[in-house]
Amino acid sequence: MFHSLDYIYGKEPKHLNTVSKRYPFGEVSINYEAKDNTITNILISGDFFEKENIKELEAKLIGYKLYSKDLNIDISKYIENMTNDQFINLLKG
């Protein structure tokens, strides 16, 4: 039986994910890569009102553990009217 080199050498491939949801304040789409349940790359887009530069939020989210409730970033500073719970639940898909 043939296996990929990542399988043979025990390297977990990156997990690619896209999630999107419409809220009363606009649609939020998140494309991210994760390895070992940790965000390694992320792109946030949508038709929401951006209060501060979304690129700053993306940079702060690198290293965030998926499935963690501890998000020490005020999401509403970047996406108007979005709560941290809404953002975390969207990431969970």
N, C-alpha and C. Protein backbone atom coordinates (compact mmCIF):
# COMPACT_ATOMS: atom_id res chain seq x y z
N MET A 1 0.85 -1.18 0.00
CA MET A 1 0.00 0.00 0.00
C MET A 1 0.89 1.24 0.00
N PHE A 2 0.55 2.22 -0.81
CA PHE A 2 1.32 3.45 -0.91
C PHE A 2 0.73 4.53 -0.02
N HIS A 3 1.59 5.32 0.58
CA HIS A 3 1.17 6.44 1.44
C HIS A 3 1.93 7.69 1.02
N SER A 4 1.37 8.84 1.35
CA SER A 4 2.07 10.09 1.07
C SER A 4 3.29 10.21 1.98
N LEU A 5 4.23 11.05 1.58
CA LEU A 5 5.42 11.26 2.41
C LEU A 5 5.05 11.86 3.76
N ASP A 6 4.03 12.74 3.79
CA ASP A 6 3.59 13.31 5.06
C ASP A 6 3.09 12.22 6.00
N TYR A 7 2.36 11.26 5.47
CA TYR A 7 1.86 10.15 6.29
C TYR A 7 3.04 9.31 6.79
N ILE A 8 3.95 8.99 5.91
CA ILE A 8 5.08 8.14 6.26
C ILE A 8 5.94 8.79 7.34
N TYR A 9 6.19 10.08 7.22
CA TYR A 9 7.06 10.77 8.16
C TYR A 9 6.30 11.44 9.31
N GLY A 10 5.03 11.19 9.42
CA GLY A 10 4.25 11.66 10.57
C GLY A 10 3.92 13.13 10.59
N LYS A 11 3.92 13.78 9.46
CA LYS A 11 3.58 15.19 9.40
C LYS A 11 2.11 15.33 9.06
N GLU A 12 1.40 16.07 9.89
CA GLU A 12 -0.02 16.31 9.64
C GLU A 12 -0.16 17.40 8.58
N PRO A 13 -0.91 17.14 7.52
CA PRO A 13 -1.10 18.19 6.51
C PRO A 13 -1.91 19.35 7.08
N LYS A 14 -1.75 20.52 6.49
CA LYS A 14 -2.53 21.68 6.91
C LYS A 14 -4.00 21.44 6.60
N HIS A 15 -4.84 22.01 7.45
CA HIS A 15 -6.28 21.90 7.27
C HIS A 15 -6.78 23.22 6.69
N LEU A 16 -7.41 23.18 5.53
CA LEU A 16 -7.97 24.37 4.89
C LEU A 16 -9.46 24.43 5.17
N ASN A 17 -9.95 25.61 5.49
CA ASN A 17 -11.36 25.73 5.83
C ASN A 17 -11.90 27.09 5.37
N THR A 18 -13.16 27.09 4.97
CA THR A 18 -13.87 28.31 4.62
C THR A 18 -15.22 28.29 5.33
N VAL A 19 -15.51 29.37 6.04
CA VAL A 19 -16.80 29.50 6.72
C VAL A 19 -17.37 30.88 6.38
N SER A 20 -18.68 30.96 6.32
CA SER A 20 -19.34 32.22 5.98
C SER A 20 -20.73 32.23 6.59
N LYS A 21 -21.14 33.42 7.04
CA LYS A 21 -22.48 33.54 7.60
C LYS A 21 -22.94 34.98 7.46
N ARG A 22 -24.26 35.12 7.20
CA ARG A 22 -24.87 36.45 7.12
C ARG A 22 -25.47 36.78 8.49
N TYR A 23 -25.15 37.98 8.94
CA TYR A 23 -25.68 38.53 10.20
C TYR A 23 -26.44 39.80 9.87
N PRO A 24 -27.20 40.36 10.83
CA PRO A 24 -27.91 41.62 10.56
C PRO A 24 -26.96 42.76 10.15
N PHE A 25 -25.71 42.70 10.59
CA PHE A 25 -24.74 43.75 10.27
C PHE A 25 -23.95 43.48 9.00
N GLY A 26 -24.15 42.32 8.37
CA GLY A 26 -23.46 41.99 7.12
C GLY A 26 -22.96 40.56 7.09
N GLU A 27 -22.45 40.18 5.95
CA GLU A 27 -21.90 38.83 5.79
C GLU A 27 -20.42 38.83 6.18
N VAL A 28 -20.01 37.77 6.89
CA VAL A 28 -18.61 37.60 7.28
C VAL A 28 -18.14 36.27 6.72
N SER A 29 -17.05 36.30 5.96
CA SER A 29 -16.44 35.09 5.40
C SER A 29 -15.02 34.98 5.93
N ILE A 30 -14.67 33.77 6.34
CA ILE A 30 -13.33 33.52 6.87
C ILE A 30 -12.74 32.33 6.14
N ASN A 31 -11.58 32.54 5.54
CA ASN A 31 -10.80 31.47 4.94
C ASN A 31 -9.56 31.32 5.80
N TYR A 32 -9.30 30.11 6.26
CA TYR A 32 -8.11 29.94 7.10
C TYR A 32 -7.47 28.58 6.91
N GLU A 33 -6.18 28.54 7.22
CA GLU A 33 -5.42 27.30 7.27
C GLU A 33 -5.11 27.05 8.74
N ALA A 34 -5.16 25.78 9.12
CA ALA A 34 -4.83 25.43 10.49
C ALA A 34 -3.97 24.18 10.50
N LYS A 35 -3.08 24.13 11.45
CA LYS A 35 -2.28 22.93 11.68
C LYS A 35 -2.31 22.67 13.17
N ASP A 36 -2.58 21.43 13.54
CA ASP A 36 -2.71 21.06 14.96
C ASP A 36 -3.71 21.96 15.66
N ASN A 37 -4.83 22.26 14.99
CA ASN A 37 -5.91 23.10 15.52
C ASN A 37 -5.47 24.52 15.85
N THR A 38 -4.43 25.00 15.19
CA THR A 38 -3.93 26.35 15.40
C THR A 38 -3.94 27.09 14.06
N ILE A 39 -4.49 28.30 14.04
CA ILE A 39 -4.56 29.08 12.81
C ILE A 39 -3.15 29.47 12.37
N THR A 40 -2.83 29.14 11.12
CA THR A 40 -1.52 29.49 10.55
C THR A 40 -1.63 30.56 9.48
N ASN A 41 -2.82 30.72 8.92
CA ASN A 41 -3.05 31.74 7.90
C ASN A 41 -4.55 32.03 7.88
N ILE A 42 -4.92 33.30 7.69
CA ILE A 42 -6.35 33.64 7.74
C ILE A 42 -6.63 34.86 6.87
N LEU A 43 -7.81 34.84 6.25
CA LEU A 43 -8.29 35.96 5.44
C LEU A 43 -9.76 36.18 5.79
N ILE A 44 -10.08 37.39 6.23
CA ILE A 44 -11.45 37.73 6.62
C ILE A 44 -11.99 38.74 5.60
N SER A 45 -13.19 38.48 5.09
CA SER A 45 -13.80 39.39 4.12
C SER A 45 -15.30 39.42 4.35
N GLY A 46 -15.97 40.32 3.65
CA GLY A 46 -17.43 40.40 3.74
C GLY A 46 -17.91 41.81 3.46
N ASP A 47 -19.22 42.00 3.67
CA ASP A 47 -19.81 43.32 3.42
C ASP A 47 -20.19 44.02 4.72
N PHE A 48 -19.47 43.71 5.78
CA PHE A 48 -19.66 44.33 7.09
C PHE A 48 -18.92 45.67 7.13
N PHE A 49 -19.23 46.49 8.16
CA PHE A 49 -18.54 47.76 8.34
C PHE A 49 -17.26 47.49 9.12
N GLU A 50 -16.14 47.79 8.50
CA GLU A 50 -14.82 47.58 9.10
C GLU A 50 -14.43 48.82 9.90
N LYS A 51 -14.38 48.69 11.22
CA LYS A 51 -14.05 49.83 12.07
C LYS A 51 -12.56 50.12 12.09
N GLU A 52 -11.76 49.07 12.20
CA GLU A 52 -10.30 49.20 12.15
C GLU A 52 -9.80 48.24 11.08
N ASN A 53 -8.56 48.40 10.68
CA ASN A 53 -7.99 47.60 9.60
C ASN A 53 -8.09 46.11 9.90
N ILE A 54 -8.81 45.38 9.06
CA ILE A 54 -9.04 43.94 9.26
C ILE A 54 -7.73 43.15 9.18
N LYS A 55 -6.74 43.68 8.48
CA LYS A 55 -5.43 43.01 8.38
C LYS A 55 -4.77 42.91 9.76
N GLU A 56 -5.01 43.91 10.62
CA GLU A 56 -4.49 43.86 12.00
C GLU A 56 -5.12 42.71 12.76
N LEU A 57 -6.42 42.53 12.60
CA LEU A 57 -7.12 41.41 13.26
C LEU A 57 -6.58 40.08 12.74
N GLU A 58 -6.41 39.96 11.44
CA GLU A 58 -5.89 38.72 10.87
C GLU A 58 -4.52 38.39 11.46
N ALA A 59 -3.66 39.38 11.59
CA ALA A 59 -2.33 39.15 12.16
C ALA A 59 -2.42 38.68 13.61
N LYS A 60 -3.35 39.25 14.37
CA LYS A 60 -3.52 38.87 15.78
C LYS A 60 -4.06 37.46 15.93
N LEU A 61 -4.78 36.97 14.92
CA LEU A 61 -5.40 35.64 15.01
C LEU A 61 -4.43 34.50 14.65
N ILE A 62 -3.29 34.82 14.05
CA ILE A 62 -2.31 33.77 13.77
C ILE A 62 -1.83 33.20 15.10
N GLY A 63 -1.92 31.89 15.24
CA GLY A 63 -1.55 31.23 16.49
C GLY A 63 -2.72 30.95 17.41
N TYR A 64 -3.92 31.46 17.05
CA TYR A 64 -5.12 31.21 17.87
C TYR A 64 -5.51 29.75 17.76
N LYS A 65 -5.77 29.13 18.90
CA LYS A 65 -6.20 27.74 18.94
C LYS A 65 -7.69 27.66 18.62
N LEU A 66 -8.03 26.91 17.58
CA LEU A 66 -9.43 26.68 17.26
C LEU A 66 -10.06 25.93 18.43
N TYR A 67 -11.32 26.11 18.64
CA TYR A 67 -12.09 25.46 19.69
C TYR A 67 -11.77 26.03 21.07
N SER A 68 -11.00 27.10 21.14
CA SER A 68 -10.74 27.76 22.40
C SER A 68 -11.77 28.87 22.58
N LYS A 69 -12.22 29.06 23.78
CA LYS A 69 -13.16 30.15 24.07
C LYS A 69 -12.40 31.42 24.47
N ASP A 70 -11.09 31.31 24.68
CA ASP A 70 -10.29 32.44 25.13
C ASP A 70 -9.77 33.25 23.96
N LEU A 71 -10.55 34.22 23.55
CA LEU A 71 -10.14 35.12 22.47
C LEU A 71 -9.97 36.50 23.10
N ASN A 72 -8.73 36.90 23.32
CA ASN A 72 -8.43 38.14 24.01
C ASN A 72 -8.36 39.34 23.07
N ILE A 73 -9.20 39.31 22.07
CA ILE A 73 -9.28 40.39 21.08
C ILE A 73 -10.74 40.84 21.04
N ASP A 74 -10.97 42.14 21.07
CA ASP A 74 -12.33 42.66 20.95
C ASP A 74 -12.69 42.71 19.46
N ILE A 75 -13.41 41.69 19.00
CA ILE A 75 -13.77 41.58 17.59
C ILE A 75 -14.57 42.80 17.12
N SER A 76 -15.41 43.36 17.99
CA SER A 76 -16.24 44.50 17.59
C SER A 76 -15.41 45.74 17.28
N LYS A 77 -14.13 45.77 17.66
CA LYS A 77 -13.23 46.86 17.27
C LYS A 77 -12.94 46.82 15.78
N TYR A 78 -13.09 45.64 15.18
CA TYR A 78 -12.76 45.44 13.78
C TYR A 78 -14.01 45.25 12.92
N ILE A 79 -14.97 44.47 13.41
CA ILE A 79 -16.21 44.20 12.68
C ILE A 79 -17.36 44.74 13.53
N GLU A 80 -17.92 45.85 13.09
CA GLU A 80 -18.94 46.52 13.90
C GLU A 80 -20.12 45.59 14.19
N ASN A 81 -20.50 45.54 15.47
CA ASN A 81 -21.63 44.78 16.00
C ASN A 81 -21.40 43.28 16.10
N MET A 82 -20.23 42.79 15.76
CA MET A 82 -19.96 41.35 15.91
C MET A 82 -19.39 41.09 17.30
N THR A 83 -19.94 40.07 17.97
CA THR A 83 -19.44 39.70 19.29
C THR A 83 -18.35 38.63 19.15
N ASN A 84 -17.58 38.48 20.20
CA ASN A 84 -16.55 37.44 20.21
C ASN A 84 -17.19 36.06 20.08
N ASP A 85 -18.32 35.84 20.76
CA ASP A 85 -18.99 34.54 20.67
C ASP A 85 -19.44 34.24 19.24
N GLN A 86 -19.98 35.23 18.55
CA GLN A 86 -20.38 35.03 17.15
C GLN A 86 -19.17 34.66 16.29
N PHE A 87 -18.06 35.34 16.50
CA PHE A 87 -16.86 35.07 15.72
C PHE A 87 -16.32 33.67 16.00
N ILE A 88 -16.25 33.29 17.26
CA ILE A 88 -15.76 31.96 17.64
C ILE A 88 -16.67 30.88 17.07
N ASN A 89 -17.98 31.06 17.18
CA ASN A 89 -18.92 30.07 16.64
C ASN A 89 -18.81 29.97 15.12
N LEU A 90 -18.56 31.08 14.44
CA LEU A 90 -18.37 31.04 12.99
C LEU A 90 -17.11 30.25 12.64
N LEU A 91 -16.03 30.47 13.37
CA LEU A 91 -14.79 29.71 13.13
C LEU A 91 -15.01 28.21 13.30
N LYS A 92 -15.84 27.84 14.25
CA LYS A 92 -16.10 26.41 14.50
C LYS A 92 -16.92 25.79 13.38
N GLY A 93 -17.53 26.65 12.56
CA GLY A 93 -18.31 26.15 11.43
C GLY A 93 -19.64 25.73 11.86
